[in-house]
Amino acid sequence: MNCILSADKVIKERLNNAGATVGGVLITMESIFIFWAGDIKITLITESDCFTSKEHTLLNVLKDAQITIKAEEINRLTHTVVRSVGGDSNAYIPEIVKFERNGPFKGLIYSDGMLSFYS
């Protein structure tokens, strides 16, 4: 977490209103931790479970609030990030999910429009 706090500070000091997405997986002997902030999607598949993160975008915020979205606005809202490292927001702490490590697993990290090409 200290790395993310340091990155947030440096980005805010050096860049005007810029932000960066971050995501990753930390694997220990007992657990798997998935973390992300921004328009990153991470999928983890185990023998008993499948988890897919939800991107931190304005489109998802509006969908969650059940607000009607015009078709012509979807592309812009899909790429408007509401949580990132840096930027003009204090929403820089990644979302973190922990899984117990029980056997084999597979995963995929999607970012920067990869979802436009693959589902």
N, C-alpha and C. Protein backbone atom coordinates (compact mmCIF):
# COMPACT_ATOMS: atom_id res chain seq x y z
N MET A 1 0.83 -1.20 0.00
CA MET A 1 0.00 0.00 0.00
C MET A 1 0.87 1.26 0.00
N ASN A 2 2.05 1.18 0.63
CA ASN A 2 2.92 2.35 0.65
C ASN A 2 3.35 2.78 -0.75
N CYS A 3 3.53 1.82 -1.65
CA CYS A 3 3.91 2.15 -3.03
C CYS A 3 2.81 2.96 -3.71
N ILE A 4 1.57 2.58 -3.47
CA ILE A 4 0.45 3.30 -4.10
C ILE A 4 0.32 4.70 -3.51
N LEU A 5 0.49 4.84 -2.21
CA LEU A 5 0.45 6.16 -1.59
C LEU A 5 1.57 7.05 -2.12
N SER A 6 2.76 6.47 -2.29
CA SER A 6 3.90 7.24 -2.83
C SER A 6 3.64 7.65 -4.28
N ALA A 7 3.12 6.73 -5.07
CA ALA A 7 2.81 7.05 -6.47
C ALA A 7 1.76 8.15 -6.56
N ASP A 8 0.73 8.08 -5.71
CA ASP A 8 -0.31 9.11 -5.69
C ASP A 8 0.29 10.47 -5.41
N LYS A 9 1.17 10.53 -4.43
CA LYS A 9 1.81 11.80 -4.06
C LYS A 9 2.66 12.36 -5.20
N VAL A 10 3.47 11.52 -5.82
CA VAL A 10 4.35 11.96 -6.90
C VAL A 10 3.54 12.44 -8.10
N ILE A 11 2.51 11.70 -8.47
CA ILE A 11 1.69 12.09 -9.62
C ILE A 11 1.03 13.44 -9.36
N LYS A 12 0.49 13.64 -8.15
CA LYS A 12 -0.17 14.91 -7.83
C LYS A 12 0.82 16.07 -7.81
N GLU A 13 2.05 15.81 -7.37
CA GLU A 13 3.05 16.88 -7.31
C GLU A 13 3.57 17.26 -8.70
N ARG A 14 3.75 16.29 -9.57
CA ARG A 14 4.43 16.53 -10.84
C ARG A 14 3.53 16.72 -12.04
N LEU A 15 2.32 16.21 -11.97
CA LEU A 15 1.44 16.26 -13.14
C LEU A 15 0.15 16.97 -12.77
N ASN A 16 -0.32 17.82 -13.63
CA ASN A 16 -1.54 18.58 -13.38
C ASN A 16 -2.76 17.76 -13.78
N ASN A 17 -3.58 17.39 -12.81
CA ASN A 17 -4.85 16.69 -13.04
C ASN A 17 -4.68 15.40 -13.84
N ALA A 18 -3.59 14.68 -13.57
CA ALA A 18 -3.35 13.40 -14.25
C ALA A 18 -3.57 12.28 -13.25
N GLY A 19 -3.89 11.13 -13.76
CA GLY A 19 -4.07 9.97 -12.91
C GLY A 19 -3.61 8.72 -13.63
N ALA A 20 -3.49 7.65 -12.88
CA ALA A 20 -3.07 6.38 -13.47
C ALA A 20 -3.87 5.26 -12.84
N THR A 21 -4.20 4.28 -13.64
CA THR A 21 -4.87 3.10 -13.10
C THR A 21 -3.81 2.14 -12.59
N VAL A 22 -4.22 1.28 -11.69
CA VAL A 22 -3.29 0.29 -11.13
C VAL A 22 -4.07 -0.98 -10.85
N GLY A 23 -3.43 -2.10 -11.03
CA GLY A 23 -4.08 -3.36 -10.70
C GLY A 23 -3.05 -4.46 -10.62
N GLY A 24 -3.35 -5.47 -9.84
CA GLY A 24 -2.41 -6.57 -9.73
C GLY A 24 -2.94 -7.69 -8.87
N VAL A 25 -2.10 -8.70 -8.75
CA VAL A 25 -2.43 -9.88 -7.97
C VAL A 25 -1.23 -10.19 -7.08
N LEU A 26 -1.48 -10.42 -5.80
CA LEU A 26 -0.46 -10.83 -4.85
C LEU A 26 -0.80 -12.24 -4.40
N ILE A 27 0.15 -13.15 -4.60
CA ILE A 27 -0.09 -14.55 -4.28
C ILE A 27 0.82 -14.96 -3.14
N THR A 28 0.22 -15.49 -2.07
CA THR A 28 0.99 -16.03 -0.95
C THR A 28 0.72 -17.54 -0.90
N MET A 29 1.33 -18.21 0.05
CA MET A 29 1.11 -19.65 0.18
C MET A 29 -0.34 -19.97 0.52
N GLU A 30 -1.01 -19.08 1.28
CA GLU A 30 -2.37 -19.34 1.73
C GLU A 30 -3.45 -18.57 0.99
N SER A 31 -3.10 -17.43 0.39
CA SER A 31 -4.12 -16.52 -0.13
C SER A 31 -3.74 -15.94 -1.49
N ILE A 32 -4.77 -15.40 -2.14
CA ILE A 32 -4.59 -14.62 -3.37
C ILE A 32 -5.30 -13.30 -3.14
N PHE A 33 -4.59 -12.19 -3.32
CA PHE A 33 -5.16 -10.85 -3.17
C PHE A 33 -5.22 -10.21 -4.55
N ILE A 34 -6.38 -9.69 -4.90
CA ILE A 34 -6.55 -8.95 -6.14
C ILE A 34 -6.79 -7.49 -5.76
N PHE A 35 -6.09 -6.56 -6.42
CA PHE A 35 -6.31 -5.14 -6.15
C PHE A 35 -6.37 -4.37 -7.46
N TRP A 36 -7.21 -3.33 -7.49
CA TRP A 36 -7.35 -2.51 -8.69
C TRP A 36 -7.98 -1.16 -8.36
N ALA A 37 -7.61 -0.17 -9.17
CA ALA A 37 -8.22 1.15 -9.13
C ALA A 37 -8.23 1.66 -10.56
N GLY A 38 -9.39 2.03 -11.04
CA GLY A 38 -9.52 2.53 -12.40
C GLY A 38 -10.24 1.56 -13.31
N ASP A 39 -10.01 1.72 -14.61
CA ASP A 39 -10.72 0.91 -15.58
C ASP A 39 -9.97 -0.38 -15.90
N ILE A 40 -9.57 -1.05 -14.85
CA ILE A 40 -8.89 -2.34 -14.93
C ILE A 40 -9.89 -3.41 -14.54
N LYS A 41 -9.84 -4.51 -15.24
CA LYS A 41 -10.69 -5.65 -14.87
C LYS A 41 -9.78 -6.83 -14.64
N ILE A 42 -10.01 -7.57 -13.56
CA ILE A 42 -9.22 -8.74 -13.23
C ILE A 42 -10.18 -9.91 -13.04
N THR A 43 -9.86 -11.03 -13.69
CA THR A 43 -10.66 -12.24 -13.53
C THR A 43 -9.79 -13.31 -12.90
N LEU A 44 -10.33 -13.97 -11.90
CA LEU A 44 -9.65 -15.08 -11.23
C LEU A 44 -10.58 -16.29 -11.27
N ILE A 45 -10.07 -17.40 -11.76
CA ILE A 45 -10.86 -18.63 -11.86
C ILE A 45 -10.18 -19.71 -11.05
N THR A 46 -10.91 -20.26 -10.08
CA THR A 46 -10.43 -21.38 -9.29
C THR A 46 -11.32 -22.58 -9.57
N GLU A 47 -11.02 -23.70 -8.93
CA GLU A 47 -11.86 -24.89 -9.12
C GLU A 47 -13.28 -24.68 -8.64
N SER A 48 -13.47 -23.81 -7.65
CA SER A 48 -14.80 -23.64 -7.06
C SER A 48 -15.42 -22.26 -7.28
N ASP A 49 -14.70 -21.33 -7.89
CA ASP A 49 -15.21 -19.97 -7.96
C ASP A 49 -14.67 -19.25 -9.20
N CYS A 50 -15.40 -18.23 -9.61
CA CYS A 50 -14.94 -17.33 -10.66
C CYS A 50 -15.27 -15.91 -10.21
N PHE A 51 -14.27 -15.06 -10.14
CA PHE A 51 -14.46 -13.68 -9.72
C PHE A 51 -13.99 -12.76 -10.83
N THR A 52 -14.80 -11.73 -11.11
CA THR A 52 -14.39 -10.68 -12.05
C THR A 52 -14.63 -9.34 -11.37
N SER A 53 -13.59 -8.53 -11.31
CA SER A 53 -13.70 -7.20 -10.69
C SER A 53 -14.56 -6.29 -11.55
N LYS A 54 -15.00 -5.21 -10.97
CA LYS A 54 -15.82 -4.22 -11.67
C LYS A 54 -15.00 -2.94 -11.81
N GLU A 55 -14.87 -2.47 -13.04
CA GLU A 55 -14.06 -1.28 -13.29
C GLU A 55 -14.64 -0.06 -12.57
N HIS A 56 -13.76 0.81 -12.12
CA HIS A 56 -14.16 2.05 -11.46
C HIS A 56 -14.34 3.14 -12.52
N THR A 57 -15.48 3.07 -13.21
CA THR A 57 -15.78 4.04 -14.26
C THR A 57 -17.09 4.75 -13.96
N LEU A 58 -17.25 5.90 -14.58
CA LEU A 58 -18.49 6.66 -14.42
C LEU A 58 -19.68 5.87 -14.96
N LEU A 59 -19.46 5.11 -16.01
CA LEU A 59 -20.54 4.28 -16.56
C LEU A 59 -21.06 3.31 -15.50
N ASN A 60 -20.18 2.64 -14.79
CA ASN A 60 -20.62 1.70 -13.75
C ASN A 60 -21.30 2.39 -12.57
N VAL A 61 -20.82 3.58 -12.23
CA VAL A 61 -21.47 4.34 -11.15
C VAL A 61 -22.91 4.68 -11.54
N LEU A 62 -23.09 5.13 -12.77
CA LEU A 62 -24.44 5.49 -13.24
C LEU A 62 -25.33 4.25 -13.36
N LYS A 63 -24.77 3.15 -13.83
CA LYS A 63 -25.54 1.90 -13.92
C LYS A 63 -25.98 1.45 -12.52
N ASP A 64 -25.06 1.51 -11.56
CA ASP A 64 -25.39 1.10 -10.19
C ASP A 64 -26.50 1.97 -9.60
N ALA A 65 -26.53 3.26 -9.99
CA ALA A 65 -27.56 4.17 -9.52
C ALA A 65 -28.84 4.05 -10.35
N GLN A 66 -28.85 3.15 -11.32
CA GLN A 66 -29.99 2.90 -12.20
C GLN A 66 -30.42 4.15 -12.97
N ILE A 67 -29.41 4.89 -13.42
CA ILE A 67 -29.65 6.10 -14.22
C ILE A 67 -29.62 5.71 -15.69
N THR A 68 -30.58 6.18 -16.45
CA THR A 68 -30.66 5.88 -17.88
C THR A 68 -29.51 6.58 -18.60
N ILE A 69 -28.85 5.82 -19.46
CA ILE A 69 -27.68 6.33 -20.17
C ILE A 69 -27.96 6.30 -21.67
N LYS A 70 -27.71 7.43 -22.32
CA LYS A 70 -27.90 7.51 -23.77
C LYS A 70 -26.81 6.69 -24.47
N ALA A 71 -27.18 6.02 -25.54
CA ALA A 71 -26.24 5.16 -26.27
C ALA A 71 -24.99 5.92 -26.71
N GLU A 72 -25.16 7.17 -27.13
CA GLU A 72 -24.01 7.95 -27.61
C GLU A 72 -23.05 8.35 -26.49
N GLU A 73 -23.45 8.19 -25.23
CA GLU A 73 -22.61 8.55 -24.09
C GLU A 73 -21.81 7.37 -23.54
N ILE A 74 -22.16 6.16 -23.94
CA ILE A 74 -21.55 4.97 -23.33
C ILE A 74 -20.04 4.93 -23.49
N ASN A 75 -19.52 5.21 -24.68
CA ASN A 75 -18.08 5.14 -24.90
C ASN A 75 -17.32 6.12 -24.01
N ARG A 76 -17.80 7.34 -23.92
CA ARG A 76 -17.13 8.35 -23.08
C ARG A 76 -17.18 7.94 -21.61
N LEU A 77 -18.32 7.47 -21.16
CA LEU A 77 -18.48 7.10 -19.75
C LEU A 77 -17.69 5.85 -19.38
N THR A 78 -17.47 4.98 -20.37
CA THR A 78 -16.69 3.77 -20.13
C THR A 78 -15.24 4.11 -19.82
N HIS A 79 -14.75 5.21 -20.38
CA HIS A 79 -13.35 5.58 -20.20
C HIS A 79 -13.16 6.74 -19.22
N THR A 80 -14.21 7.12 -18.51
CA THR A 80 -14.09 8.15 -17.47
C THR A 80 -13.91 7.43 -16.14
N VAL A 81 -12.70 7.50 -15.60
CA VAL A 81 -12.34 6.76 -14.40
C VAL A 81 -12.70 7.57 -13.16
N VAL A 82 -13.28 6.90 -12.17
CA VAL A 82 -13.68 7.58 -10.93
C VAL A 82 -12.79 7.22 -9.75
N ARG A 83 -11.86 6.31 -9.96
CA ARG A 83 -10.88 5.97 -8.92
C ARG A 83 -9.55 5.73 -9.62
N SER A 84 -8.50 6.45 -9.19
CA SER A 84 -7.18 6.28 -9.81
C SER A 84 -6.11 6.77 -8.86
N VAL A 85 -4.88 6.41 -9.16
CA VAL A 85 -3.73 6.93 -8.43
C VAL A 85 -3.42 8.29 -9.03
N GLY A 86 -3.34 9.32 -8.19
CA GLY A 86 -3.16 10.68 -8.68
C GLY A 86 -4.52 11.28 -9.01
N GLY A 87 -4.56 12.18 -9.94
CA GLY A 87 -5.81 12.82 -10.33
C GLY A 87 -6.24 13.84 -9.30
N ASP A 88 -7.44 14.38 -9.50
CA ASP A 88 -7.91 15.43 -8.60
C ASP A 88 -8.85 14.88 -7.53
N SER A 89 -8.82 13.59 -7.33
CA SER A 89 -9.70 12.94 -6.36
C SER A 89 -8.88 12.31 -5.25
N ASN A 90 -9.50 12.12 -4.12
CA ASN A 90 -8.85 11.39 -3.04
C ASN A 90 -9.19 9.90 -3.10
N ALA A 91 -9.86 9.47 -4.17
CA ALA A 91 -10.26 8.07 -4.32
C ALA A 91 -9.12 7.28 -4.98
N TYR A 92 -7.99 7.18 -4.30
CA TYR A 92 -6.83 6.52 -4.88
C TYR A 92 -6.55 5.16 -4.26
N ILE A 93 -7.25 4.79 -3.22
CA ILE A 93 -6.99 3.51 -2.59
C ILE A 93 -7.66 2.41 -3.40
N PRO A 94 -6.89 1.44 -3.86
CA PRO A 94 -7.47 0.38 -4.68
C PRO A 94 -8.49 -0.46 -3.90
N GLU A 95 -9.38 -1.05 -4.65
CA GLU A 95 -10.28 -2.04 -4.08
C GLU A 95 -9.47 -3.34 -3.94
N ILE A 96 -9.67 -4.05 -2.84
CA ILE A 96 -8.90 -5.27 -2.57
C ILE A 96 -9.85 -6.40 -2.23
N VAL A 97 -9.63 -7.56 -2.85
CA VAL A 97 -10.43 -8.75 -2.56
C VAL A 97 -9.45 -9.89 -2.26
N LYS A 98 -9.76 -10.65 -1.22
CA LYS A 98 -8.91 -11.76 -0.79
C LYS A 98 -9.62 -13.09 -1.02
N PHE A 99 -8.87 -14.06 -1.54
CA PHE A 99 -9.37 -15.42 -1.75
C PHE A 99 -8.43 -16.38 -1.05
N GLU A 100 -8.98 -17.45 -0.51
CA GLU A 100 -8.14 -18.52 0.03
C GLU A 100 -7.58 -19.31 -1.14
N ARG A 101 -6.34 -19.69 -1.03
CA ARG A 101 -5.69 -20.43 -2.11
C ARG A 101 -5.89 -21.92 -1.85
N ASN A 102 -6.80 -22.52 -2.61
CA ASN A 102 -7.13 -23.94 -2.47
C ASN A 102 -7.01 -24.63 -3.82
N GLY A 103 -5.83 -24.92 -4.25
CA GLY A 103 -5.66 -25.62 -5.51
C GLY A 103 -5.29 -24.69 -6.65
N PRO A 104 -5.36 -25.21 -7.86
CA PRO A 104 -4.93 -24.43 -9.04
C PRO A 104 -5.89 -23.28 -9.34
N PHE A 105 -5.36 -22.27 -10.02
CA PHE A 105 -6.16 -21.12 -10.41
C PHE A 105 -5.59 -20.53 -11.69
N LYS A 106 -6.42 -19.76 -12.37
CA LYS A 106 -6.02 -19.01 -13.57
C LYS A 106 -6.52 -17.59 -13.41
N GLY A 107 -5.87 -16.68 -14.08
CA GLY A 107 -6.33 -15.30 -14.00
C GLY A 107 -5.93 -14.50 -15.22
N LEU A 108 -6.58 -13.36 -15.35
CA LEU A 108 -6.30 -12.45 -16.45
C LEU A 108 -6.52 -11.03 -15.98
N ILE A 109 -5.61 -10.14 -16.34
CA ILE A 109 -5.75 -8.72 -16.03
C ILE A 109 -5.96 -7.99 -17.36
N TYR A 110 -7.08 -7.28 -17.47
CA TYR A 110 -7.40 -6.53 -18.68
C TYR A 110 -7.25 -5.03 -18.36
N SER A 111 -6.71 -4.27 -19.29
CA SER A 111 -6.65 -2.82 -19.08
C SER A 111 -6.64 -2.09 -20.41
N ASP A 112 -6.86 -0.79 -20.33
CA ASP A 112 -6.74 0.12 -21.48
C ASP A 112 -7.41 -0.36 -22.75
N GLY A 113 -8.66 -0.68 -22.65
CA GLY A 113 -9.44 -1.00 -23.83
C GLY A 113 -9.37 -2.44 -24.29
N MET A 114 -8.63 -3.29 -23.60
CA MET A 114 -8.56 -4.68 -24.01
C MET A 114 -9.95 -5.31 -24.06
N LEU A 115 -10.83 -4.85 -23.18
CA LEU A 115 -12.19 -5.39 -23.16
C LEU A 115 -12.98 -5.06 -24.41
N SER A 116 -12.52 -4.04 -25.15
CA SER A 116 -13.19 -3.70 -26.41
C SER A 116 -12.95 -4.79 -27.46
N PHE A 117 -11.87 -5.55 -27.28
CA PHE A 117 -11.51 -6.57 -28.25
C PHE A 117 -11.86 -7.99 -27.79
N TYR A 118 -11.88 -8.20 -26.46
CA TYR A 118 -12.14 -9.53 -25.92
C TYR A 118 -13.20 -9.45 -24.83
N SER A 119 -14.07 -10.43 -24.77
CA SER A 119 -15.07 -10.46 -23.72
C SER A 119 -14.68 -11.48 -22.67
